[in-house]
């Protein structure tokens, strides 16, 4: 794992330290890594949304489409739930 040192104003350092202690992180590095991962997820979602928005329209979906999605979700929950 690589190392990166950052400088923070005292107010941000205090905030990070508070988040680490209140939210159960072992270190400030764990907290910062989670923030970075969440930002990566946000950027990926943004790209997917922009891609979808710029794609060609499709046929409207029916209630049956959503019923099928719900059933697939429920099947996945039953398949992956602890026994």
Protein backbone atom coordinates (compact mmCIF):
# COMPACT_ATOMS: atom_id res chain seq x y z
CA UNK A 1 0.00 0.00 0.00
CA UNK A 2 1.26 3.46 -0.88
CA UNK A 3 1.52 6.31 1.57
CA UNK A 4 0.21 9.82 1.03
CA UNK A 5 0.62 12.66 3.48
CA UNK A 6 -1.89 15.49 3.49
CA UNK A 7 -2.01 18.79 5.33
CA UNK A 8 -5.26 19.90 6.93
CA UNK A 9 -6.25 23.03 8.77
CA UNK A 10 -6.79 22.36 12.46
CA UNK A 11 -10.58 22.56 12.09
CA UNK A 12 -10.61 19.78 9.47
CA UNK A 13 -8.21 17.64 11.49
CA UNK A 14 -10.49 18.01 14.50
CA UNK A 15 -13.46 17.03 12.35
CA UNK A 16 -11.67 13.94 11.01
CA UNK A 17 -10.57 12.90 14.50
CA UNK A 18 -14.15 13.27 15.73
CA UNK A 19 -15.50 11.17 12.85
CA UNK A 20 -12.90 8.46 13.53
CA UNK A 21 -13.82 8.24 17.21
CA UNK A 22 -17.60 8.56 16.81
CA UNK A 23 -18.05 6.33 13.79
CA UNK A 24 -15.77 3.49 14.81
CA UNK A 25 -12.89 3.87 12.39
CA UNK A 26 -9.55 2.53 13.56
CA UNK A 27 -7.55 5.33 11.99
CA UNK A 28 -8.01 8.54 10.07
CA UNK A 29 -6.66 6.68 7.02
CA UNK A 30 -9.63 4.28 7.16
CA UNK A 31 -12.00 7.25 7.24
CA UNK A 32 -10.31 8.98 4.31
CA UNK A 33 -10.22 5.74 2.28
CA UNK A 34 -13.97 5.35 2.77
CA UNK A 35 -14.57 8.94 1.66
CA UNK A 36 -12.52 8.32 -1.47
CA UNK A 37 -14.39 5.08 -2.24
CA UNK A 38 -17.73 6.86 -1.83
CA UNK A 39 -16.56 9.60 -4.17
CA UNK A 40 -15.52 6.98 -6.73
CA UNK A 41 -18.97 5.38 -6.44
CA UNK A 42 -20.63 8.79 -6.85
CA UNK A 43 -18.60 9.53 -9.98
CA UNK A 44 -19.39 6.11 -11.44
CA UNK A 45 -23.10 6.63 -10.79
CA UNK A 46 -22.89 10.08 -12.38
CA UNK A 47 -21.31 8.59 -15.51
CA UNK A 48 -24.00 5.91 -15.70
CA UNK A 49 -26.75 8.50 -15.32
CA UNK A 50 -25.22 10.74 -17.99
CA UNK A 51 -24.81 7.77 -20.30
CA UNK A 52 -28.43 6.78 -19.76
CA UNK A 53 -29.63 10.34 -20.28
CA UNK A 54 -27.81 10.59 -23.59
CA UNK A 55 -28.93 7.18 -24.88
CA UNK A 56 -31.79 6.63 -27.25
CA UNK A 57 -35.25 6.32 -25.74
CA UNK A 58 -36.64 2.83 -25.29
CA UNK A 59 -40.17 1.53 -25.27
CA UNK A 60 -42.14 2.41 -22.13
CA UNK A 61 -42.07 -0.25 -19.45
CA UNK A 62 -45.16 -1.78 -17.96
CA UNK A 63 -46.11 -2.78 -14.45
CA UNK A 64 -45.11 -6.34 -15.42
CA UNK A 65 -41.54 -5.15 -15.95
CA UNK A 66 -41.34 -3.82 -12.39
CA UNK A 67 -43.07 -6.92 -11.01
CA UNK A 68 -40.37 -9.00 -12.68
CA UNK A 69 -37.64 -6.86 -11.18
CA UNK A 70 -39.16 -7.21 -7.72
CA UNK A 71 -39.36 -10.96 -8.13
CA UNK A 72 -35.70 -11.15 -9.18
CA UNK A 73 -34.73 -9.11 -6.11
CA UNK A 74 -36.76 -11.35 -3.82
CA UNK A 75 -35.23 -14.45 -5.41
CA UNK A 76 -31.76 -13.00 -4.84
CA UNK A 77 -32.57 -12.26 -1.22
CA UNK A 78 -33.82 -15.81 -0.66
CA UNK A 79 -30.78 -17.25 -2.44
CA UNK A 80 -28.23 -15.20 -0.51
CA UNK A 81 -29.85 -15.01 2.92
CA UNK A 82 -28.07 -16.79 5.81
CA UNK A 83 -29.62 -20.08 6.76
